[in-house]
Protein backbone atom coordinates (compact mmCIF):
# COMPACT_ATOMS: atom_id res chain seq x y z
CA MET A 1 -5.29 -4.85 13.99
CA SER A 2 -5.82 -1.16 14.74
CA ASP A 3 -3.82 1.52 12.94
CA ARG A 4 -2.00 2.26 16.18
CA ASP A 5 -1.03 -1.38 16.60
CA THR A 6 0.10 -1.54 12.99
CA VAL A 7 2.42 1.44 13.50
CA LEU A 8 3.79 0.02 16.74
CA GLU A 9 4.59 -3.29 15.03
CA LEU A 10 6.22 -1.42 12.16
CA VAL A 11 8.46 0.58 14.48
CA LYS A 12 9.50 -2.57 16.33
CA ARG A 13 10.62 -4.17 13.03
CA LEU A 14 12.67 -1.19 11.83
CA PRO A 15 16.38 -0.84 12.59
CA ALA A 16 17.46 1.36 15.49
CA ASN A 17 19.07 3.94 13.19
CA VAL A 18 15.98 4.55 11.04
CA THR A 19 15.16 8.20 10.35
CA LEU A 20 11.82 9.86 10.98
CA ARG A 21 11.44 10.40 7.22
CA GLU A 22 11.93 6.66 6.61
CA ILE A 23 9.37 5.85 9.30
CA LEU A 24 6.95 8.29 7.68
CA ARG A 25 7.43 6.69 4.25
CA GLU A 26 6.74 3.24 5.72
CA ILE A 27 3.58 4.49 7.44
CA GLU A 28 2.38 6.15 4.24
CA PHE A 29 2.99 2.93 2.30
CA ILE A 30 1.05 0.84 4.83
CA ALA A 31 -1.80 3.40 4.83
CA ALA A 32 -2.00 3.29 1.02
CA VAL A 33 -2.10 -0.51 1.01
CA LYS A 34 -4.83 -0.57 3.66
CA GLU A 35 -6.87 1.99 1.70
CA GLY A 36 -6.47 -0.04 -1.47
CA LEU A 37 -7.57 -3.23 0.23
CA ALA A 38 -10.60 -1.43 1.69
CA GLU A 39 -11.54 -0.21 -1.79
CA ILE A 40 -11.29 -3.74 -3.14
CA ASP A 41 -13.55 -4.95 -0.32
CA GLN A 42 -16.07 -2.26 -1.35
CA GLY A 43 -15.99 -3.48 -4.94
CA LYS A 44 -14.10 -0.43 -6.21
CA GLY A 45 -11.09 -2.41 -7.45
CA VAL A 46 -10.01 -2.94 -11.03
CA SER A 47 -10.00 -6.50 -12.35
CA LEU A 48 -6.80 -8.14 -13.48
CA GLU A 49 -8.26 -8.44 -16.97
CA SER A 50 -8.85 -4.67 -17.10
CA VAL A 51 -5.31 -3.97 -15.98
CA GLU A 52 -3.92 -6.37 -18.59
CA GLN A 53 -5.95 -4.57 -21.28
CA MET A 54 -4.64 -1.19 -20.10
CA ILE A 55 -1.05 -2.42 -20.20
CA GLU A 56 -1.58 -3.94 -23.64
CA GLY A 57 -2.84 -0.56 -24.83
CA TRP A 58 0.24 1.19 -23.44
CA ILE A 59 2.61 -1.28 -25.05
CA THR A 60 1.06 -1.14 -28.52
CA LYS A 61 1.00 2.67 -28.70
């Protein structure tokens, strides 16, 4: 789905009284998720094991 189509589908799902700021926040969220998924596809993601180790380090400090 193109970015344009994604935004059109988003706007259709939102309530009629949604503000422009709320629409912007939704678009920014979707853009961030798409960027993250693209990074994972490129092998730039962080493994679950690495994240668990990071969290463990935060908890024990």
